[in-house]
């Protein structure tokens, strides 16, 4: 359904997978990858958004590197240059705004969930809605003061990687009177949305969170 595109990134260039609906136009959503890279699963999620009427861009945050090995994925996550990631995220937002003509939504999974929230804080009014699926990255920090978009956080009950941070996030968001909603799915584990992970995938949570994400973007974009 989609195609690879190149967009400016603060004097350089970056790439991403762009999927458009049959109509050719719609509200924009950026889909940030997991630590595996821009793989077929993430492209498929972009296609799903396109099927729901959105223009979806999945930026390649690892610049061509993809893996199916957890050890290698962990190395790629830790090697992510946050400064470069910020440039690529801004570039993706501006590119998609140019395609759609309005503020965009951001979403992502695991590392991508962290980048979704990071980008919403970074891009201010250019982001109209942020969905964070169990986002986490040890080197990503958030400037909560510059966040203007409402946030939908979708989390697993059993997630030692992400959940210890949630009280701090809620405290920061509440103190600044930001609009947010956090939903935790009982009995689930990290990566419950990834249907390629038989050990963690949860159909009920995946379906409900997808429905919530679509409604959230439609209400706020």
C-alpha atoms as a PDB file:
ATOM      1  CA  UNK A   1       0.000   0.000   0.000  1.00  0.00           C
ATOM      2  CA  UNK A   2       2.843   2.403   0.829  1.00  0.00           C
ATOM      3  CA  UNK A   3       6.229   3.515  -0.456  1.00  0.00           C
ATOM      4  CA  UNK A   4       9.574   4.648   0.889  1.00  0.00           C
ATOM      5  CA  UNK A   5      10.066   8.413   0.833  1.00  0.00           C
ATOM      6  CA  UNK A   6      12.942  10.762   1.651  1.00  0.00           C
ATOM      7  CA  UNK A   7      12.469  13.937   3.678  1.00  0.00           C
ATOM      8  CA  UNK A   8      14.721  16.732   5.017  1.00  0.00           C
ATOM      9  CA  UNK A   9      16.235  16.306   8.468  1.00  0.00           C
ATOM     10  CA  UNK A  10      17.946  19.498   9.681  1.00  0.00           C
ATOM     11  CA  UNK A  11      20.301  19.856   6.747  1.00  0.00           C
ATOM     12  CA  UNK A  12      20.493  16.138   6.037  1.00  0.00           C
ATOM     13  CA  UNK A  13      17.937  13.604   4.890  1.00  0.00           C
ATOM     14  CA  UNK A  14      15.993  10.745   6.426  1.00  0.00           C
ATOM     15  CA  UNK A  15      13.691   8.095   5.048  1.00  0.00           C
ATOM     16  CA  UNK A  16      10.385   6.617   6.005  1.00  0.00           C
ATOM     17  CA  UNK A  17       7.514   4.455   4.854  1.00  0.00           C
ATOM     18  CA  UNK A  18       4.515   6.510   3.712  1.00  0.00           C
ATOM     19  CA  UNK A  19       1.079   4.900   3.406  1.00  0.00           C
ATOM     20  CA  UNK A  20      -1.934   6.780   2.075  1.00  0.00           C
ATOM     21  CA  UNK A  21      -5.632   5.854   2.113  1.00  0.00           C
ATOM     22  CA  UNK A  22      -7.480   5.043  -1.080  1.00  0.00           C
ATOM     23  CA  UNK A  23      -8.789   8.607  -1.172  1.00  0.00           C
ATOM     24  CA  UNK A  24      -5.208   9.893  -1.337  1.00  0.00           C
ATOM     25  CA  UNK A  25      -5.612  12.279   1.605  1.00  0.00           C
ATOM     26  CA  UNK A  26      -6.415  12.293   5.286  1.00  0.00           C
ATOM     27  CA  UNK A  27      -5.184  13.296   8.725  1.00  0.00           C
ATOM     28  CA  UNK A  28      -1.521  12.499   9.378  1.00  0.00           C
ATOM     29  CA  UNK A  29      -0.144   9.989  11.877  1.00  0.00           C
ATOM     30  CA  UNK A  30       3.534   9.228  12.492  1.00  0.00           C
ATOM     31  CA  UNK A  31       4.248   5.620  13.510  1.00  0.00           C
ATOM     32  CA  UNK A  32       7.511   5.143  15.419  1.00  0.00           C
ATOM     33  CA  UNK A  33       9.202   1.762  15.276  1.00  0.00           C
ATOM     34  CA  UNK A  34      10.107  -0.690  18.009  1.00  0.00           C
ATOM     35  CA  UNK A  35      13.750  -1.517  18.716  1.00  0.00           C
ATOM     36  CA  UNK A  36      13.725  -3.997  15.820  1.00  0.00           C
ATOM     37  CA  UNK A  37      13.865  -1.178  13.263  1.00  0.00           C
ATOM     38  CA  UNK A  38      11.537  -0.209  10.430  1.00  0.00           C
ATOM     39  CA  UNK A  39      10.406  -3.752   9.684  1.00  0.00           C
ATOM     40  CA  UNK A  40       7.403  -5.283   7.948  1.00  0.00           C
ATOM     41  CA  UNK A  41       5.375  -5.219  11.159  1.00  0.00           C
ATOM     42  CA  UNK A  42       5.653  -1.435  11.541  1.00  0.00           C
ATOM     43  CA  UNK A  43       5.004  -0.889   7.841  1.00  0.00           C
ATOM     44  CA  UNK A  44       1.921  -3.057   8.262  1.00  0.00           C
ATOM     45  CA  UNK A  45       0.674  -0.844  11.088  1.00  0.00           C
ATOM     46  CA  UNK A  46       1.150   2.198   8.857  1.00  0.00           C
ATOM     47  CA  UNK A  47      -0.895   0.375   6.215  1.00  0.00           C
ATOM     48  CA  UNK A  48      -3.603  -0.292   8.805  1.00  0.00           C
ATOM     49  CA  UNK A  49      -3.812   3.413   9.591  1.00  0.00           C
ATOM     50  CA  UNK A  50      -4.072   4.133   5.868  1.00  0.00           C
ATOM     51  CA  UNK A  51      -6.886   1.612   5.674  1.00  0.00           C
ATOM     52  CA  UNK A  52      -8.684   3.661   8.331  1.00  0.00           C
ATOM     53  CA  UNK A  53      -8.351   6.887   6.318  1.00  0.00           C
ATOM     54  CA  UNK A  54      -5.113   8.312   7.736  1.00  0.00           C
ATOM     55  CA  UNK A  55      -1.896   9.259   5.971  1.00  0.00           C
ATOM     56  CA  UNK A  56       0.749   7.374   7.945  1.00  0.00           C
ATOM     57  CA  UNK A  57       4.506   7.925   7.959  1.00  0.00           C
ATOM     58  CA  UNK A  58       6.839   5.467   9.688  1.00  0.00           C
ATOM     59  CA  UNK A  59      10.260   7.160   9.844  1.00  0.00           C
ATOM     60  CA  UNK A  60      13.353   4.954   9.737  1.00  0.00           C
ATOM     61  CA  UNK A  61      15.001   5.937  13.013  1.00  0.00           C
ATOM     62  CA  UNK A  62      17.839   3.411  12.589  1.00  0.00           C
ATOM     63  CA  UNK A  63      18.679   4.570   9.047  1.00  0.00           C
ATOM     64  CA  UNK A  64      18.408   1.207   7.322  1.00  0.00           C
ATOM     65  CA  UNK A  65      19.285  -1.135  10.186  1.00  0.00           C
ATOM     66  CA  UNK A  66      16.751  -3.875  10.970  1.00  0.00           C
ATOM     67  CA  UNK A  67      17.115  -6.991  13.100  1.00  0.00           C
ATOM     68  CA  UNK A  68      15.071  -9.881  14.455  1.00  0.00           C
ATOM     69  CA  UNK A  69      17.597 -10.705  17.211  1.00  0.00           C
ATOM     70  CA  UNK A  70      16.846  -9.289  20.687  1.00  0.00           C
ATOM     71  CA  UNK A  71      20.524  -8.786  21.573  1.00  0.00           C
ATOM     72  CA  UNK A  72      21.147  -6.803  18.389  1.00  0.00           C
ATOM     73  CA  UNK A  73      17.918  -4.851  18.885  1.00  0.00           C
ATOM     74  CA  UNK A  74      19.061  -3.896  22.367  1.00  0.00           C
ATOM     75  CA  UNK A  75      22.354  -2.642  20.965  1.00  0.00           C
ATOM     76  CA  UNK A  76      20.542  -0.585  18.329  1.00  0.00           C
ATOM     77  CA  UNK A  77      18.273   0.921  20.971  1.00  0.00           C
ATOM     78  CA  UNK A  78      21.202   1.915  23.177  1.00  0.00           C
ATOM     79  CA  UNK A  79      23.132   3.266  20.190  1.00  0.00           C
ATOM     80  CA  UNK A  80      20.293   5.579  19.159  1.00  0.00           C
ATOM     81  CA  UNK A  81      21.659   9.105  18.868  1.00  0.00           C
ATOM     82  CA  UNK A  82      19.002  11.145  20.668  1.00  0.00           C
ATOM     83  CA  UNK A  83      20.096  14.407  19.055  1.00  0.00           C
ATOM     84  CA  UNK A  84      19.826  12.851  15.599  1.00  0.00           C
ATOM     85  CA  UNK A  85      16.539  11.220  16.546  1.00  0.00           C
ATOM     86  CA  UNK A  86      15.179  14.651  17.462  1.00  0.00           C
ATOM     87  CA  UNK A  87      16.200  16.008  14.070  1.00  0.00           C
ATOM     88  CA  UNK A  88      14.619  13.048  12.259  1.00  0.00           C
ATOM     89  CA  UNK A  89      11.442  13.330  14.321  1.00  0.00           C
ATOM     90  CA  UNK A  90      11.109  17.040  13.588  1.00  0.00           C
ATOM     91  CA  UNK A  91      11.752  16.347   9.917  1.00  0.00           C
ATOM     92  CA  UNK A  92       9.088  13.659   9.870  1.00  0.00           C
ATOM     93  CA  UNK A  93       6.553  15.992  11.492  1.00  0.00           C
ATOM     94  CA  UNK A  94       7.257  18.802   9.048  1.00  0.00           C
ATOM     95  CA  UNK A  95       7.188  16.472   6.053  1.00  0.00           C
ATOM     96  CA  UNK A  96       3.869  14.924   7.045  1.00  0.00           C
ATOM     97  CA  UNK A  97       2.402  18.342   7.846  1.00  0.00           C
ATOM     98  CA  UNK A  98       3.336  19.339   4.318  1.00  0.00           C
ATOM     99  CA  UNK A  99       1.487  16.312   2.956  1.00  0.00           C
ATOM    100  CA  UNK A 100      -1.646  16.654   5.078  1.00  0.00           C
ATOM    101  CA  UNK A 101      -1.794  20.407   5.725  1.00  0.00           C
ATOM    102  CA  UNK A 102      -2.408  20.216   9.462  1.00  0.00           C
ATOM    103  CA  UNK A 103      -1.110  19.047  12.831  1.00  0.00           C
ATOM    104  CA  UNK A 104      -0.229  15.354  12.949  1.00  0.00           C
ATOM    105  CA  UNK A 105      -0.639  12.567  15.449  1.00  0.00           C
ATOM    106  CA  UNK A 106       2.209  10.487  16.814  1.00  0.00           C
ATOM    107  CA  UNK A 107       2.216   6.909  18.010  1.00  0.00           C
ATOM    108  CA  UNK A 108       4.758   4.179  18.570  1.00  0.00           C
ATOM    109  CA  UNK A 109       5.567   0.988  20.405  1.00  0.00           C
ATOM    110  CA  UNK A 110       8.208   0.355  23.099  1.00  0.00           C
ATOM    111  CA  UNK A 111      11.121   2.548  21.942  1.00  0.00           C
ATOM    112  CA  UNK A 112       8.674   4.070  19.477  1.00  0.00           C
ATOM    113  CA  UNK A 113       6.214   4.899  22.237  1.00  0.00           C
ATOM    114  CA  UNK A 114       8.954   6.881  23.951  1.00  0.00           C
ATOM    115  CA  UNK A 115       9.753   8.623  20.667  1.00  0.00           C
ATOM    116  CA  UNK A 116       6.062   9.397  20.142  1.00  0.00           C
ATOM    117  CA  UNK A 117       5.891  11.234  23.468  1.00  0.00           C
ATOM    118  CA  UNK A 118       9.338  12.765  22.926  1.00  0.00           C
ATOM    119  CA  UNK A 119       8.209  14.152  19.565  1.00  0.00           C
ATOM    120  CA  UNK A 120       4.962  15.518  20.978  1.00  0.00           C
ATOM    121  CA  UNK A 121       6.986  17.406  23.596  1.00  0.00           C
ATOM    122  CA  UNK A 122       9.492  18.511  20.975  1.00  0.00           C
ATOM    123  CA  UNK A 123       7.148  19.709  18.241  1.00  0.00           C
ATOM    124  CA  UNK A 124       4.559  21.663  20.217  1.00  0.00           C
ATOM    125  CA  UNK A 125       1.487  22.649  18.217  1.00  0.00           C
ATOM    126  CA  UNK A 126       2.647  20.703  15.157  1.00  0.00           C
ATOM    127  CA  UNK A 127       1.491  17.559  17.006  1.00  0.00           C
ATOM    128  CA  UNK A 128      -2.225  17.429  17.687  1.00  0.00           C
ATOM    129  CA  UNK A 129      -2.459  14.089  19.494  1.00  0.00           C
ATOM    130  CA  UNK A 130      -0.006  11.588  20.993  1.00  0.00           C
ATOM    131  CA  UNK A 131      -0.518   7.872  21.591  1.00  0.00           C
ATOM    132  CA  UNK A 132       2.160   6.031  23.575  1.00  0.00           C
ATOM    133  CA  UNK A 133       2.159   2.229  23.557  1.00  0.00           C
ATOM    134  CA  UNK A 134       4.253   1.115  26.562  1.00  0.00           C
ATOM    135  CA  UNK A 135       6.986   3.588  25.625  1.00  0.00           C
ATOM    136  CA  UNK A 136      10.438   3.370  27.104  1.00  0.00           C
ATOM    137  CA  UNK A 137      14.018   4.358  26.353  1.00  0.00           C
ATOM    138  CA  UNK A 138      16.630   4.898  29.081  1.00  0.00           C
ATOM    139  CA  UNK A 139      18.133   7.967  27.383  1.00  0.00           C
ATOM    140  CA  UNK A 140      14.964   9.735  26.241  1.00  0.00           C
ATOM    141  CA  UNK A 141      13.748  12.556  28.472  1.00  0.00           C
ATOM    142  CA  UNK A 142      10.677  14.712  28.047  1.00  0.00           C
ATOM    143  CA  UNK A 143      10.254  18.477  28.171  1.00  0.00           C
ATOM    144  CA  UNK A 144       6.751  18.366  29.626  1.00  0.00           C
ATOM    145  CA  UNK A 145       6.464  22.161  29.585  1.00  0.00           C
ATOM    146  CA  UNK A 146       6.382  22.291  25.778  1.00  0.00           C
ATOM    147  CA  UNK A 147       3.798  19.508  25.402  1.00  0.00           C
ATOM    148  CA  UNK A 148       0.514  20.828  24.014  1.00  0.00           C
ATOM    149  CA  UNK A 149      -1.073  17.663  22.567  1.00  0.00           C
ATOM    150  CA  UNK A 150      -3.373  15.417  24.583  1.00  0.00           C
ATOM    151  CA  UNK A 151      -1.748  12.078  25.424  1.00  0.00           C
ATOM    152  CA  UNK A 152      -3.197   8.562  25.426  1.00  0.00           C
ATOM    153  CA  UNK A 153      -0.928   6.070  27.189  1.00  0.00           C
ATOM    154  CA  UNK A 154      -1.549   2.337  26.696  1.00  0.00           C
ATOM    155  CA  UNK A 155       0.318   0.028  29.053  1.00  0.00           C
ATOM    156  CA  UNK A 156       0.653  -3.586  30.148  1.00  0.00           C
ATOM    157  CA  UNK A 157       0.082  -4.697  33.719  1.00  0.00           C
ATOM    158  CA  UNK A 158       3.329  -6.650  33.795  1.00  0.00           C
ATOM    159  CA  UNK A 159       6.087  -4.422  32.399  1.00  0.00           C
ATOM    160  CA  UNK A 160       9.155  -3.851  34.553  1.00  0.00           C
ATOM    161  CA  UNK A 161      10.813  -1.896  31.732  1.00  0.00           C
ATOM    162  CA  UNK A 162       8.174   0.833  31.521  1.00  0.00           C
ATOM    163  CA  UNK A 163       5.863   0.824  34.534  1.00  0.00           C
ATOM    164  CA  UNK A 164       8.309   2.132  37.184  1.00  0.00           C
ATOM    165  CA  UNK A 165       8.310   5.441  35.258  1.00  0.00           C
ATOM    166  CA  UNK A 166       4.540   5.881  35.052  1.00  0.00           C
ATOM    167  CA  UNK A 167       3.998   7.563  38.454  1.00  0.00           C
ATOM    168  CA  UNK A 168       6.624  10.165  37.530  1.00  0.00           C
ATOM    169  CA  UNK A 169       4.948  10.782  34.177  1.00  0.00           C
ATOM    170  CA  UNK A 170       1.532  11.166  35.767  1.00  0.00           C
ATOM    171  CA  UNK A 171       2.913  13.528  38.394  1.00  0.00           C
ATOM    172  CA  UNK A 172       4.593  15.695  35.751  1.00  0.00           C
ATOM    173  CA  UNK A 173       1.527  15.785  33.511  1.00  0.00           C
ATOM    174  CA  UNK A 174      -0.878  16.502  36.366  1.00  0.00           C
ATOM    175  CA  UNK A 175       1.310  19.249  37.828  1.00  0.00           C
ATOM    176  CA  UNK A 176       1.300  21.031  34.471  1.00  0.00           C
ATOM    177  CA  UNK A 177      -2.429  20.499  33.881  1.00  0.00           C
ATOM    178  CA  UNK A 178      -1.817  18.521  30.694  1.00  0.00           C
ATOM    179  CA  UNK A 179      -4.594  16.466  29.120  1.00  0.00           C
ATOM    180  CA  UNK A 180      -3.840  12.764  29.347  1.00  0.00           C
ATOM    181  CA  UNK A 181      -5.391   9.343  29.861  1.00  0.00           C
ATOM    182  CA  UNK A 182      -3.459   6.214  30.871  1.00  0.00           C
ATOM    183  CA  UNK A 183      -4.979   2.781  30.310  1.00  0.00           C
ATOM    184  CA  UNK A 184      -3.411  -0.384  31.722  1.00  0.00           C
ATOM    185  CA  UNK A 185      -4.553  -3.786  30.455  1.00  0.00           C
ATOM    186  CA  UNK A 186      -4.832  -6.422  33.210  1.00  0.00           C
ATOM    187  CA  UNK A 187      -2.885  -9.629  32.721  1.00  0.00           C
ATOM    188  CA  UNK A 188      -0.870  -8.318  29.754  1.00  0.00           C
ATOM    189  CA  UNK A 189       2.863  -8.016  29.178  1.00  0.00           C
ATOM    190  CA  UNK A 190       5.103  -5.588  27.298  1.00  0.00           C
ATOM    191  CA  UNK A 191       4.538  -5.748  23.505  1.00  0.00           C
ATOM    192  CA  UNK A 192       0.951  -6.960  23.813  1.00  0.00           C
ATOM    193  CA  UNK A 193       0.123  -5.238  20.510  1.00  0.00           C
ATOM    194  CA  UNK A 194       2.739  -7.057  18.415  1.00  0.00           C
ATOM    195  CA  UNK A 195       0.980  -9.984  16.742  1.00  0.00           C
ATOM    196  CA  UNK A 196       4.345 -11.421  15.695  1.00  0.00           C
ATOM    197  CA  UNK A 197       5.242 -12.003  19.355  1.00  0.00           C
ATOM    198  CA  UNK A 198       3.343 -15.132  20.365  1.00  0.00           C
ATOM    199  CA  UNK A 199       4.799 -14.899  23.869  1.00  0.00           C
ATOM    200  CA  UNK A 200       3.282 -11.471  24.581  1.00  0.00           C
ATOM    201  CA  UNK A 201       0.528 -10.772  22.040  1.00  0.00           C
ATOM    202  CA  UNK A 202      -2.913 -10.278  23.578  1.00  0.00           C
ATOM    203  CA  UNK A 203      -5.758 -10.083  21.078  1.00  0.00           C
ATOM    204  CA  UNK A 204      -8.237  -8.430  23.403  1.00  0.00           C
ATOM    205  CA  UNK A 205      -5.846  -5.701  24.514  1.00  0.00           C
ATOM    206  CA  UNK A 206      -4.560  -5.180  20.981  1.00  0.00           C
ATOM    207  CA  UNK A 207      -8.040  -4.781  19.533  1.00  0.00           C
ATOM    208  CA  UNK A 208      -9.250  -2.482  22.310  1.00  0.00           C
ATOM    209  CA  UNK A 209      -6.142  -0.293  22.197  1.00  0.00           C
ATOM    210  CA  UNK A 210      -6.373  -0.003  18.408  1.00  0.00           C
ATOM    211  CA  UNK A 211     -10.001   1.118  18.657  1.00  0.00           C
ATOM    212  CA  UNK A 212      -9.072   3.651  21.334  1.00  0.00           C
ATOM    213  CA  UNK A 213      -6.162   4.968  19.261  1.00  0.00           C
ATOM    214  CA  UNK A 214      -8.301   5.495  16.188  1.00  0.00           C
ATOM    215  CA  UNK A 215     -11.013   7.263  18.176  1.00  0.00           C
ATOM    216  CA  UNK A 216      -8.409   9.426  19.921  1.00  0.00           C
ATOM    217  CA  UNK A 217      -6.850  10.569  16.666  1.00  0.00           C
ATOM    218  CA  UNK A 218     -10.219  11.179  15.046  1.00  0.00           C
ATOM    219  CA  UNK A 219     -11.325  13.283  18.013  1.00  0.00           C
ATOM    220  CA  UNK A 220      -8.157  15.378  18.250  1.00  0.00           C
ATOM    221  CA  UNK A 221      -6.760  15.794  14.724  1.00  0.00           C
END
